[in-house]
PDB file of N, CA and C in Angstrom:
ATOM      1  N   MET A   1      24.879  11.185  15.760  1.00  0.00           N
ATOM      2  CA  MET A   1      23.830  11.327  14.722  1.00  0.00           C
ATOM      3  C   MET A   1      24.651  13.050  14.744  1.00  0.00           C
ATOM      4  N   THR A   2      24.795  13.044  13.295  1.00  0.00           N
ATOM      5  CA  THR A   2      25.017  14.407  13.478  1.00  0.00           C
ATOM      6  C   THR A   2      24.260  15.063  12.324  1.00  0.00           C
ATOM      7  N   ASP A   3      24.306  16.619  12.549  1.00  0.00           N
ATOM      8  CA  ASP A   3      23.666  17.444  12.057  1.00  0.00           C
ATOM      9  C   ASP A   3      22.938  17.183  10.690  1.00  0.00           C
ATOM     10  N   GLU A   4      24.370  16.313   9.631  1.00  0.00           N
ATOM     11  CA  GLU A   4      23.793  16.725   7.870  1.00  0.00           C
ATOM     12  C   GLU A   4      23.042  15.008   8.043  1.00  0.00           C
ATOM     13  N   PHE A   5      23.614  14.088   8.924  1.00  0.00           N
ATOM     14  CA  PHE A   5      22.978  13.119   8.875  1.00  0.00           C
ATOM     15  C   PHE A   5      21.430  12.490   8.674  1.00  0.00           C
ATOM     16  N   VAL A   6      21.305  14.125   9.523  1.00  0.00           N
ATOM     17  CA  VAL A   6      19.492  14.178  10.201  1.00  0.00           C
ATOM     18  C   VAL A   6      18.734  14.992   9.137  1.00  0.00           C
ATOM     19  N   GLU A   7      19.549  16.290   8.896  1.00  0.00           N
ATOM     20  CA  GLU A   7      18.623  16.225   8.056  1.00  0.00           C
ATOM     21  C   GLU A   7      18.511  15.201   6.607  1.00  0.00           C
ATOM     22  N   HIS A   8      19.621  15.203   6.129  1.00  0.00           N
ATOM     23  CA  HIS A   8      19.923  13.972   4.973  1.00  0.00           C
ATOM     24  C   HIS A   8      18.364  13.367   5.454  1.00  0.00           C
ATOM     25  N   PHE A   9      18.434  12.202   6.156  1.00  0.00           N
ATOM     26  CA  PHE A   9      16.955  11.006   6.464  1.00  0.00           C
ATOM     27  C   PHE A   9      16.619  11.750   6.115  1.00  0.00           C
ATOM     28  N   ALA A  10      16.152  12.551   7.094  1.00  0.00           N
ATOM     29  CA  ALA A  10      14.520  13.865   7.296  1.00  0.00           C
ATOM     30  C   ALA A  10      13.684  13.768   5.137  1.00  0.00           C
ATOM     31  N   GLU A  11      14.950  14.746   4.996  1.00  0.00           N
ATOM     32  CA  GLU A  11      14.870  15.217   3.231  1.00  0.00           C
ATOM     33  C   GLU A  11      14.762  13.898   2.757  1.00  0.00           C
ATOM     34  N   GLU A  12      15.473  12.794   2.824  1.00  0.00           N
ATOM     35  CA  GLU A  12      14.958  11.206   2.010  1.00  0.00           C
ATOM     36  C   GLU A  12      13.728  10.810   2.413  1.00  0.00           C
ATOM     37  N   TRP A  13      13.441  10.676   3.664  1.00  0.00           N
ATOM     38  CA  TRP A  13      12.341  10.056   4.711  1.00  0.00           C
ATOM     39  C   TRP A  13      11.087  11.005   3.520  1.00  0.00           C
ATOM     40  N   VAL A  14      10.894  11.703   3.622  1.00  0.00           N
ATOM     41  CA  VAL A  14      10.012  13.005   2.565  1.00  0.00           C
ATOM     42  C   VAL A  14       9.847  12.203   1.037  1.00  0.00           C
ATOM     43  N   ALA A  15      11.283  12.605   0.955  1.00  0.00           N
ATOM     44  CA  ALA A  15      11.122  12.045  -0.298  1.00  0.00           C
ATOM     45  C   ALA A  15      10.561  11.024  -0.476  1.00  0.00           C
ATOM     46  N   ALA A  16      10.090   9.473   0.260  1.00  0.00           N
ATOM     47  CA  ALA A  16      10.081   8.455   0.381  1.00  0.00           C
ATOM     48  C   ALA A  16       9.154   8.740   0.244  1.00  0.00           C
ATOM     49  N   TRP A  17       8.213   8.896   0.727  1.00  0.00           N
ATOM     50  CA  TRP A  17       6.467   8.910   0.912  1.00  0.00           C
ATOM     51  C   TRP A  17       6.002   9.827   0.248  1.00  0.00           C
ATOM     52  N   ASN A  18       6.962  10.520  -0.638  1.00  0.00           N
ATOM     53  CA  ASN A  18       6.575  11.342  -1.587  1.00  0.00           C
ATOM     54  C   ASN A  18       6.351  10.417  -3.078  1.00  0.00           C
ATOM     55  N   SER A  19       7.186   9.938  -2.712  1.00  0.00           N
ATOM     56  CA  SER A  19       7.314   8.229  -4.439  1.00  0.00           C
ATOM     57  C   SER A  19       6.136   8.329  -3.788  1.00  0.00           C
ATOM     58  N   HIS A  20       5.224   7.622  -2.790  1.00  0.00           N
ATOM     59  CA  HIS A  20       4.063   6.589  -3.139  1.00  0.00           C
ATOM     60  C   HIS A  20       5.082   5.065  -2.843  1.00  0.00           C
ATOM     61  N   ASP A  21       6.533   5.081  -3.350  1.00  0.00           N
ATOM     62  CA  ASP A  21       7.124   3.881  -3.753  1.00  0.00           C
ATOM     63  C   ASP A  21       7.514   3.273  -2.197  1.00  0.00           C
ATOM     64  N   LEU A  22       6.618   2.090  -2.239  1.00  0.00           N
ATOM     65  CA  LEU A  22       6.418   1.529  -0.514  1.00  0.00           C
ATOM     66  C   LEU A  22       8.283   0.558  -0.035  1.00  0.00           C
ATOM     67  N   GLU A  23       8.850   0.177  -1.158  1.00  0.00           N
ATOM     68  CA  GLU A  23       9.757  -0.094  -0.782  1.00  0.00           C
ATOM     69  C   GLU A  23      10.831   0.750  -0.270  1.00  0.00           C
ATOM     70  N   ARG A  24      11.118   1.942  -1.268  1.00  0.00           N
ATOM     71  CA  ARG A  24      11.933   2.744  -0.473  1.00  0.00           C
ATOM     72  C   ARG A  24      10.779   3.545   0.826  1.00  0.00           C
ATOM     73  N   ILE A  25      10.124   3.628   0.590  1.00  0.00           N
ATOM     74  CA  ILE A  25       9.594   4.198   2.620  1.00  0.00           C
ATOM     75  C   ILE A  25      10.310   3.169   3.033  1.00  0.00           C
ATOM     76  N   LEU A  26       9.855   1.839   3.535  1.00  0.00           N
ATOM     77  CA  LEU A  26      10.127   1.082   3.741  1.00  0.00           C
ATOM     78  C   LEU A  26      11.320   0.835   4.716  1.00  0.00           C
ATOM     79  N   SER A  27      12.579   1.253   3.517  1.00  0.00           N
ATOM     80  CA  SER A  27      13.938   0.625   3.522  1.00  0.00           C
ATOM     81  C   SER A  27      14.619   1.911   4.867  1.00  0.00           C
ATOM     82  N   HIS A  28      13.968   2.728   5.278  1.00  0.00           N
ATOM     83  CA  HIS A  28      14.638   3.096   6.642  1.00  0.00           C
ATOM     84  C   HIS A  28      14.025   3.077   7.656  1.00  0.00           C
ATOM     85  N   TYR A  29      13.410   1.870   7.823  1.00  0.00           N
ATOM     86  CA  TYR A  29      13.269   0.114   9.148  1.00  0.00           C
ATOM     87  C   TYR A  29      13.541  -0.128   9.198  1.00  0.00           C
ATOM     88  N   THR A  30      13.913  -0.846  10.499  1.00  0.00           N
ATOM     89  CA  THR A  30      14.367  -2.277  10.445  1.00  0.00           C
ATOM     90  C   THR A  30      13.157  -3.480  10.345  1.00  0.00           C
ATOM     91  N   GLU A  31      13.495  -4.416  10.314  1.00  0.00           N
ATOM     92  CA  GLU A  31      12.210  -5.663   9.851  1.00  0.00           C
ATOM     93  C   GLU A  31      11.513  -5.825  10.947  1.00  0.00           C
ATOM     94  N   ASP A  32      11.619  -5.839  12.474  1.00  0.00           N
ATOM     95  CA  ASP A  32      11.395  -5.792  13.777  1.00  0.00           C
ATOM     96  C   ASP A  32      10.300  -3.874  13.609  1.00  0.00           C
ATOM     97  N   PHE A  33      10.235  -3.061  13.225  1.00  0.00           N
ATOM     98  CA  PHE A  33       9.602  -2.394  13.475  1.00  0.00           C
ATOM     99  C   PHE A  33       8.809  -1.785  13.809  1.00  0.00           C
ATOM    100  N   THR A  34       8.266  -1.072  14.739  1.00  0.00           N
ATOM    101  CA  THR A  34       7.347  -0.488  15.744  1.00  0.00           C
ATOM    102  C   THR A  34       6.503   0.262  15.378  1.00  0.00           C
ATOM    103  N   ILE A  35       5.677   1.238  14.964  1.00  0.00           N
ATOM    104  CA  ILE A  35       4.235   2.675  15.242  1.00  0.00           C
ATOM    105  C   ILE A  35       3.774   2.300  15.742  1.00  0.00           C
ATOM    106  N   VAL A  36       3.546   3.229  16.364  1.00  0.00           N
ATOM    107  CA  VAL A  36       2.297   3.694  17.269  1.00  0.00           C
ATOM    108  C   VAL A  36       1.608   4.974  16.907  1.00  0.00           C
ATOM    109  N   SER A  37       0.657   4.704  16.266  1.00  0.00           N
ATOM    110  CA  SER A  37       0.372   5.578  15.636  1.00  0.00           C
ATOM    111  C   SER A  37      -1.980   6.009  15.537  1.00  0.00           C
ATOM    112  N   PRO A  38      -2.265   6.753  15.900  1.00  0.00           N
ATOM    113  CA  PRO A  38      -3.839   7.673  16.062  1.00  0.00           C
ATOM    114  C   PRO A  38      -4.292   6.793  14.377  1.00  0.00           C
ATOM    115  N   MET A  39      -3.257   6.846  13.629  1.00  0.00           N
ATOM    116  CA  MET A  39      -4.158   6.766  12.382  1.00  0.00           C
ATOM    117  C   MET A  39      -3.717   4.937  12.369  1.00  0.00           C
ATOM    118  N   ALA A  40      -2.725   4.630  12.632  1.00  0.00           N
ATOM    119  CA  ALA A  40      -3.217   2.781  12.912  1.00  0.00           C
ATOM    120  C   ALA A  40      -4.818   2.676  13.405  1.00  0.00           C
ATOM    121  N   LEU A  41      -5.012   3.406  14.407  1.00  0.00           N
ATOM    122  CA  LEU A  41      -5.836   2.977  15.758  1.00  0.00           C
ATOM    123  C   LEU A  41      -7.070   2.500  13.961  1.00  0.00           C
ATOM    124  N   LYS A  42      -7.276   3.987  13.092  1.00  0.00           N
ATOM    125  CA  LYS A  42      -8.412   4.134  12.561  1.00  0.00           C
ATOM    126  C   LYS A  42      -7.867   3.625  11.501  1.00  0.00           C
ATOM    127  N   ILE A  43      -6.841   3.120  10.408  1.00  0.00           N
ATOM    128  CA  ILE A  43      -6.934   2.410   9.546  1.00  0.00           C
ATOM    129  C   ILE A  43      -7.406   1.256   9.819  1.00  0.00           C
ATOM    130  N   LYS A  44      -6.192   0.142  10.749  1.00  0.00           N
ATOM    131  CA  LYS A  44      -6.640  -0.956  11.430  1.00  0.00           C
ATOM    132  C   LYS A  44      -7.175  -1.208  13.248  1.00  0.00           C
ATOM    133  N   PRO A  45      -8.336  -0.956  13.221  1.00  0.00           N
ATOM    134  CA  PRO A  45      -8.652  -1.197  14.369  1.00  0.00           C
ATOM    135  C   PRO A  45      -8.215  -1.977  15.267  1.00  0.00           C
ATOM    136  N   GLU A  46      -8.109  -3.092  15.000  1.00  0.00           N
ATOM    137  CA  GLU A  46      -7.986  -4.162  16.077  1.00  0.00           C
ATOM    138  C   GLU A  46      -6.223  -4.200  16.218  1.00  0.00           C
ATOM    139  N   THR A  47      -5.544  -2.996  15.805  1.00  0.00           N
ATOM    140  CA  THR A  47      -4.315  -3.575  16.287  1.00  0.00           C
ATOM    141  C   THR A  47      -4.469  -2.093  17.814  1.00  0.00           C
ATOM    142  N   ASN A  48      -4.918  -1.305  17.969  1.00  0.00           N
ATOM    143  CA  ASN A  48      -5.089  -0.648  19.260  1.00  0.00           C
ATOM    144  C   ASN A  48      -4.212   0.575  18.793  1.00  0.00           C
ATOM    145  N   GLY A  49      -4.291   1.177  18.068  1.00  0.00           N
ATOM    146  CA  GLY A  49      -3.255   1.911  17.105  1.00  0.00           C
ATOM    147  C   GLY A  49      -1.103   0.949  17.343  1.00  0.00           C
ATOM    148  N   VAL A  50      -0.934   0.253  17.306  1.00  0.00           N
ATOM    149  CA  VAL A  50      -0.019  -0.343  17.422  1.00  0.00           C
ATOM    150  C   VAL A  50       0.769  -1.157  16.778  1.00  0.00           C
ATOM    151  N   VAL A  51       1.171  -0.785  15.758  1.00  0.00           N
ATOM    152  CA  VAL A  51       1.748  -2.087  14.293  1.00  0.00           C
ATOM    153  C   VAL A  51       3.155  -2.409  14.577  1.00  0.00           C
ATOM    154  N   ALA A  52       3.889  -3.967  14.185  1.00  0.00           N
ATOM    155  CA  ALA A  52       4.711  -4.097  14.758  1.00  0.00           C
ATOM    156  C   ALA A  52       4.893  -5.116  13.761  1.00  0.00           C
ATOM    157  N   GLY A  53       6.339  -4.877  13.320  1.00  0.00           N
ATOM    158  CA  GLY A  53       6.801  -6.072  12.355  1.00  0.00           C
ATOM    159  C   GLY A  53       6.600  -5.425  10.796  1.00  0.00           C
ATOM    160  N   LYS A  54       7.539  -5.257   9.373  1.00  0.00           N
ATOM    161  CA  LYS A  54       7.918  -4.987   8.429  1.00  0.00           C
ATOM    162  C   LYS A  54       6.200  -5.123   7.554  1.00  0.00           C
ATOM    163  N   THR A  55       5.906  -7.106   7.975  1.00  0.00           N
ATOM    164  CA  THR A  55       4.895  -7.708   6.488  1.00  0.00           C
ATOM    165  C   THR A  55       3.705  -6.256   7.522  1.00  0.00           C
ATOM    166  N   GLN A  56       3.371  -6.457   8.922  1.00  0.00           N
ATOM    167  CA  GLN A  56       2.667  -5.773   9.427  1.00  0.00           C
ATOM    168  C   GLN A  56       1.817  -4.318   8.553  1.00  0.00           C
ATOM    169  N   VAL A  57       3.373  -3.604   8.838  1.00  0.00           N
ATOM    170  CA  VAL A  57       3.230  -2.278   8.765  1.00  0.00           C
ATOM    171  C   VAL A  57       3.087  -1.670   7.328  1.00  0.00           C
ATOM    172  N   ARG A  58       3.557  -2.797   6.372  1.00  0.00           N
ATOM    173  CA  ARG A  58       3.718  -2.732   5.271  1.00  0.00           C
ATOM    174  C   ARG A  58       1.704  -2.591   4.699  1.00  0.00           C
ATOM    175  N   GLU A  59       1.255  -4.136   5.909  1.00  0.00           N
ATOM    176  CA  GLU A  59       0.216  -3.653   4.895  1.00  0.00           C
ATOM    177  C   GLU A  59      -0.638  -2.626   5.352  1.00  0.00           C
ATOM    178  N   TYR A  60      -0.328  -1.988   6.982  1.00  0.00           N
ATOM    179  CA  TYR A  60      -1.078  -0.559   7.247  1.00  0.00           C
ATOM    180  C   TYR A  60      -1.253   0.540   5.976  1.00  0.00           C
ATOM    181  N   TRP A  61       0.753   0.513   5.447  1.00  0.00           N
ATOM    182  CA  TRP A  61       0.803   1.857   5.067  1.00  0.00           C
ATOM    183  C   TRP A  61       0.599   1.695   3.844  1.00  0.00           C
ATOM    184  N   GLU A  62       0.138   0.393   2.805  1.00  0.00           N
ATOM    185  CA  GLU A  62      -0.934   0.118   1.688  1.00  0.00           C
ATOM    186  C   GLU A  62      -2.101   0.548   1.842  1.00  0.00           C
ATOM    187  N   GLN A  63      -2.637   0.482   2.771  1.00  0.00           N
ATOM    188  CA  GLN A  63      -4.350   1.041   3.011  1.00  0.00           C
ATOM    189  C   GLN A  63      -3.868   2.294   3.090  1.00  0.00           C
ATOM    190  N   GLY A  64      -3.233   2.739   3.563  1.00  0.00           N
ATOM    191  CA  GLY A  64      -3.226   4.536   3.809  1.00  0.00           C
ATOM    192  C   GLY A  64      -2.691   5.252   2.444  1.00  0.00           C
ATOM    193  N   LEU A  65      -1.823   4.958   2.126  1.00  0.00           N
ATOM    194  CA  LEU A  65      -1.676   5.264   0.526  1.00  0.00           C
ATOM    195  C   LEU A  65      -2.800   5.008  -0.743  1.00  0.00           C
ATOM    196  N   LYS A  66      -3.559   4.138  -0.288  1.00  0.00           N
ATOM    197  CA  LYS A  66      -4.845   4.117  -0.967  1.00  0.00           C
ATOM    198  C   LYS A  66      -5.926   5.020  -0.658  1.00  0.00           C
ATOM    199  N   LEU A  67      -6.090   5.446   0.351  1.00  0.00           N
ATOM    200  CA  LEU A  67      -6.952   6.076   1.437  1.00  0.00           C
ATOM    201  C   LEU A  67      -6.785   7.505   0.994  1.00  0.00           C
ATOM    202  N   ILE A  68      -5.208   7.623   0.397  1.00  0.00           N
ATOM    203  CA  ILE A  68      -4.914   9.284   0.284  1.00  0.00           C
ATOM    204  C   ILE A  68      -4.356   9.080  -0.676  1.00  0.00           C
ATOM    205  N   PRO A  69      -4.468   8.519  -2.358  1.00  0.00           N
ATOM    206  CA  PRO A  69      -3.689   8.645  -2.782  1.00  0.00           C
ATOM    207  C   PRO A  69      -2.529   9.749  -3.413  1.00  0.00           C
ATOM    208  N   ASP A  70      -3.252  11.096  -3.343  1.00  0.00           N
ATOM    209  CA  ASP A  70      -2.903  12.491  -3.272  1.00  0.00           C
ATOM    210  C   ASP A  70      -2.105  13.029  -2.266  1.00  0.00           C
ATOM    211  N   LEU A  71      -1.723  11.439  -1.583  1.00  0.00           N
ATOM    212  CA  LEU A  71      -0.606  12.378  -0.218  1.00  0.00           C
ATOM    213  C   LEU A  71       0.887  12.771  -0.412  1.00  0.00           C
ATOM    214  N   HIS A  72       1.044  14.322   0.063  1.00  0.00           N
ATOM    215  CA  HIS A  72       1.989  14.675   0.125  1.00  0.00           C
ATOM    216  C   HIS A  72       3.207  15.675   1.303  1.00  0.00           C
ATOM    217  N   PHE A  73       4.157  14.904   1.836  1.00  0.00           N
ATOM    218  CA  PHE A  73       4.444  15.966   2.780  1.00  0.00           C
ATOM    219  C   PHE A  73       5.497  17.233   2.382  1.00  0.00           C
ATOM    220  N   GLU A  74       5.363  18.072   3.094  1.00  0.00           N
ATOM    221  CA  GLU A  74       6.086  19.359   3.031  1.00  0.00           C
ATOM    222  C   GLU A  74       6.835  18.823   4.264  1.00  0.00           C
ATOM    223  N   LEU A  75       8.157  19.124   4.567  1.00  0.00           N
ATOM    224  CA  LEU A  75       8.990  18.928   5.798  1.00  0.00           C
ATOM    225  C   LEU A  75       9.213  20.652   6.243  1.00  0.00           C
ATOM    226  N   ILE A  76       8.362  20.157   7.650  1.00  0.00           N
ATOM    227  CA  ILE A  76       8.336  21.938   7.857  1.00  0.00           C
ATOM    228  C   ILE A  76       9.614  21.894   9.572  1.00  0.00           C
ATOM    229  N   ASP A  77      10.766  20.940   9.691  1.00  0.00           N
ATOM    230  CA  ASP A  77      11.318  20.995  11.189  1.00  0.00           C
ATOM    231  C   ASP A  77      11.723  19.498  10.761  1.00  0.00           C
ATOM    232  N   VAL A  78      13.044  19.673  12.005  1.00  0.00           N
ATOM    233  CA  VAL A  78      13.569  18.207  11.754  1.00  0.00           C
ATOM    234  C   VAL A  78      14.441  18.221  12.978  1.00  0.00           C
ATOM    235  N   LEU A  79      14.193  17.561  14.862  1.00  0.00           N
ATOM    236  CA  LEU A  79      14.580  18.288  15.802  1.00  0.00           C
ATOM    237  C   LEU A  79      15.843  16.776  16.309  1.00  0.00           C
ATOM    238  N   THR A  80      16.900  16.653  16.749  1.00  0.00           N
ATOM    239  CA  THR A  80      17.838  15.257  16.785  1.00  0.00           C
ATOM    240  C   THR A  80      17.995  15.755  18.721  1.00  0.00           C
ATOM    241  N   GLY A  81      17.551  14.414  18.502  1.00  0.00           N
ATOM    242  CA  GLY A  81      17.637  13.272  20.277  1.00  0.00           C
ATOM    243  C   GLY A  81      19.218  12.744  20.406  1.00  0.00           C
ATOM    244  N   ILE A  82      19.423  12.065  21.253  1.00  0.00           N
ATOM    245  CA  ILE A  82      20.617  11.400  21.388  1.00  0.00           C
ATOM    246  C   ILE A  82      20.470  10.067  20.172  1.00  0.00           C
ATOM    247  N   ASN A  83      19.500   9.099  20.213  1.00  0.00           N
ATOM    248  CA  ASN A  83      19.268   7.708  19.141  1.00  0.00           C
ATOM    249  C   ASN A  83      18.278   7.909  18.471  1.00  0.00           C
ATOM    250  N   GLY A  84      17.732   9.615  18.380  1.00  0.00           N
ATOM    251  CA  GLY A  84      16.911   9.355  17.989  1.00  0.00           C
ATOM    252  C   GLY A  84      16.170  10.535  16.505  1.00  0.00           C
ATOM    253  N   ILE A  85      15.226  11.101  15.865  1.00  0.00           N
ATOM    254  CA  ILE A  85      15.474  12.206  15.549  1.00  0.00           C
ATOM    255  C   ILE A  85      13.518  12.372  15.597  1.00  0.00           C
ATOM    256  N   THR A  86      12.843  13.357  15.947  1.00  0.00           N
ATOM    257  CA  THR A  86      11.811  13.687  15.461  1.00  0.00           C
ATOM    258  C   THR A  86      11.563  14.461  14.320  1.00  0.00           C
ATOM    259  N   ILE A  87      10.883  14.369  13.277  1.00  0.00           N
ATOM    260  CA  ILE A  87      10.523  14.905  11.923  1.00  0.00           C
ATOM    261  C   ILE A  87       8.674  15.553  12.293  1.00  0.00           C
ATOM    262  N   TYR A  88       8.919  16.373  11.875  1.00  0.00           N
ATOM    263  CA  TYR A  88       7.240  17.054  11.428  1.00  0.00           C
ATOM    264  C   TYR A  88       6.914  17.977  10.701  1.00  0.00           C
ATOM    265  N   TYR A  89       6.137  17.631   9.787  1.00  0.00           N
ATOM    266  CA  TYR A  89       6.047  17.559   8.471  1.00  0.00           C
ATOM    267  C   TYR A  89       4.117  17.841   8.398  1.00  0.00           C
ATOM    268  N   ARG A  90       3.705  18.754   6.672  1.00  0.00           N
ATOM    269  CA  ARG A  90       2.573  18.826   7.231  1.00  0.00           C
ATOM    270  C   ARG A  90       2.099  17.867   6.149  1.00  0.00           C
ATOM    271  N   ASN A  91       0.959  17.306   5.704  1.00  0.00           N
ATOM    272  CA  ASN A  91       0.607  16.419   5.000  1.00  0.00           C
ATOM    273  C   ASN A  91      -0.357  17.831   3.717  1.00  0.00           C
ATOM    274  N   THR A  92       0.675  18.336   3.308  1.00  0.00           N
ATOM    275  CA  THR A  92      -1.065  19.151   1.223  1.00  0.00           C
ATOM    276  C   THR A  92      -2.297  18.784   1.388  1.00  0.00           C
ATOM    277  N   ALA A  93      -1.903  16.933   1.474  1.00  0.00           N
ATOM    278  CA  ALA A  93      -3.282  15.921   0.923  1.00  0.00           C
ATOM    279  C   ALA A  93      -4.335  16.535   1.893  1.00  0.00           C
ATOM    280  N   THR A  94      -4.154  16.275   3.659  1.00  0.00           N
ATOM    281  CA  THR A  94      -5.654  16.239   4.549  1.00  0.00           C
ATOM    282  C   THR A  94      -5.091  18.640   4.948  1.00  0.00           C
ATOM    283  N   GLY A  95      -3.871  18.410   4.897  1.00  0.00           N
ATOM    284  CA  GLY A  95      -3.655  20.271   5.798  1.00  0.00           C
ATOM    285  C   GLY A  95      -3.413  20.147   6.885  1.00  0.00           C
ATOM    286  N   ARG A  96      -2.880  18.502   7.214  1.00  0.00           N
ATOM    287  CA  ARG A  96      -2.763  18.249   9.245  1.00  0.00           C
ATOM    288  C   ARG A  96      -1.330  18.112   9.679  1.00  0.00           C
ATOM    289  N   LYS A  97      -0.693  18.474  10.229  1.00  0.00           N
ATOM    290  CA  LYS A  97       0.391  18.653  10.864  1.00  0.00           C
ATOM    291  C   LYS A  97       1.189  17.967  11.363  1.00  0.00           C
ATOM    292  N   THR A  98       2.006  17.011  11.066  1.00  0.00           N
ATOM    293  CA  THR A  98       2.500  15.425  12.014  1.00  0.00           C
ATOM    294  C   THR A  98       3.857  15.552  12.489  1.00  0.00           C
ATOM    295  N   THR A  99       3.890  15.140  14.018  1.00  0.00           N
ATOM    296  CA  THR A  99       4.982  14.701  14.210  1.00  0.00           C
ATOM    297  C   THR A  99       5.211  13.266  13.813  1.00  0.00           C
ATOM    298  N   GLU A 100       6.724  13.113  13.784  1.00  0.00           N
ATOM    299  CA  GLU A 100       7.274  11.862  13.730  1.00  0.00           C
ATOM    300  C   GLU A 100       8.250  11.368  14.584  1.00  0.00           C
ATOM    301  N   VAL A 101       8.413  11.049  15.679  1.00  0.00           N
ATOM    302  CA  VAL A 101       9.460  11.036  16.951  1.00  0.00           C
ATOM    303  C   VAL A 101       9.975   8.931  16.315  1.00  0.00           C
ATOM    304  N   MET A 102      11.249   9.748  15.695  1.00  0.00           N
ATOM    305  CA  MET A 102      11.681   7.815  16.043  1.00  0.00           C
ATOM    306  C   MET A 102      12.810   7.490  16.674  1.00  0.00           C
ATOM    307  N   PHE A 103      13.103   6.499  17.076  1.00  0.00           N
ATOM    308  CA  PHE A 103      14.047   5.779  17.648  1.00  0.00           C
ATOM    309  C   PHE A 103      15.017   4.747  16.476  1.00  0.00           C
ATOM    310  N   LEU A 104      16.322   5.276  16.509  1.00  0.00           N
ATOM    311  CA  LEU A 104      17.196   4.610  15.492  1.00  0.00           C
ATOM    312  C   LEU A 104      18.400   3.579  16.657  1.00  0.00           C
ATOM    313  N   ASN A 105      18.435   2.776  15.169  1.00  0.00           N
ATOM    314  CA  ASN A 105      19.714   1.792  15.893  1.00  0.00           C
ATOM    315  C   ASN A 105      20.440   2.025  15.513  1.00  0.00           C
ATOM    316  N   ASN A 106      21.632   1.084  15.649  1.00  0.00           N
ATOM    317  CA  ASN A 106      22.864   1.015  15.621  1.00  0.00           C
ATOM    318  C   ASN A 106      23.180   1.680  13.225  1.00  0.00           C
ATOM    319  N   GLU A 107      22.191   0.819  13.335  1.00  0.00           N
ATOM    320  CA  GLU A 107      22.452   0.903  11.443  1.00  0.00           C
ATOM    321  C   GLU A 107      21.690   1.568  10.798  1.00  0.00           C
ATOM    322  N   GLN A 108      21.327   2.357  11.708  1.00  0.00           N
ATOM    323  CA  GLN A 108      20.353   4.273  11.458  1.00  0.00           C
ATOM    324  C   GLN A 108      19.204   3.722  10.711  1.00  0.00           C
ATOM    325  N   LYS A 109      18.943   2.303  11.114  1.00  0.00           N
ATOM    326  CA  LYS A 109      17.467   2.274  10.747  1.00  0.00           C
ATOM    327  C   LYS A 109      16.889   2.929  12.191  1.00  0.00           C
ATOM    328  N   VAL A 110      15.189   2.746  11.240  1.00  0.00           N
ATOM    329  CA  VAL A 110      14.357   2.907  12.476  1.00  0.00           C
ATOM    330  C   VAL A 110      14.180   1.635  12.730  1.00  0.00           C
ATOM    331  N   GLU A 111      13.535   1.979  14.320  1.00  0.00           N
ATOM    332  CA  GLU A 111      13.264   1.271  15.173  1.00  0.00           C
ATOM    333  C   GLU A 111      11.772   0.791  15.552  1.00  0.00           C
ATOM    334  N   LYS A 112      11.923   1.958  15.782  1.00  0.00           N
ATOM    335  CA  LYS A 112      10.615   2.553  17.154  1.00  0.00           C
ATOM    336  C   LYS A 112      10.104   3.815  15.900  1.00  0.00           C
ATOM    337  N   ALA A 113       8.847   4.177  16.135  1.00  0.00           N
ATOM    338  CA  ALA A 113       8.398   5.451  16.074  1.00  0.00           C
ATOM    339  C   ALA A 113       7.102   5.821  16.524  1.00  0.00           C
ATOM    340  N   PHE A 114       6.356   7.031  16.821  1.00  0.00           N
ATOM    341  CA  PHE A 114       5.529   7.223  17.765  1.00  0.00           C
ATOM    342  C   PHE A 114       4.709   8.803  16.605  1.00  0.00           C
ATOM    343  N   ALA A 115       3.804   8.234  16.122  1.00  0.00           N
ATOM    344  CA  ALA A 115       2.799  10.075  15.277  1.00  0.00           C
ATOM    345  C   ALA A 115       1.958  10.179  15.951  1.00  0.00           C
ATOM    346  N   MET A 116       1.982  11.533  16.295  1.00  0.00           N
ATOM    347  CA  MET A 116       1.148  12.506  16.914  1.00  0.00           C
ATOM    348  C   MET A 116       0.938  13.355  16.180  1.00  0.00           C
ATOM    349  N   TYR A 117      -0.757  13.927  15.211  1.00  0.00           N
ATOM    350  CA  TYR A 117      -1.721  14.500  14.365  1.00  0.00           C
ATOM    351  C   TYR A 117      -2.086  15.180  14.830  1.00  0.00           C
ATOM    352  N   SER A 118      -2.696  16.638  14.766  1.00  0.00           N
ATOM    353  CA  SER A 118      -2.836  18.137  14.579  1.00  0.00           C
ATOM    354  C   SER A 118      -4.011  18.112  14.007  1.00  0.00           C
TER     355      SER A 118
END
């Protein structure tokens, strides 16, 4: 992954979330994508914080967007790994800072992510 790709990916990812367009958001992920998140545990307790598959993730994020209708992310930083990136951002609607550690496949789609909140 080049620095240019990582910067572009992070900027597009934030823009997708800020658009609240779920299809645009989901375009960054594989069909069998899994997310591990304390927010998933809060919104969908039955998941134990692990949501797998685009269908289930779609339902989870639909609920999240309804709960925070003024959601808006500001990119703070992006970190590069071997096959992944970490996006560090602030949700201006809640004031919380978040990191999302994302592992990408060969098509540069996210297949697994871990979210951590301040």
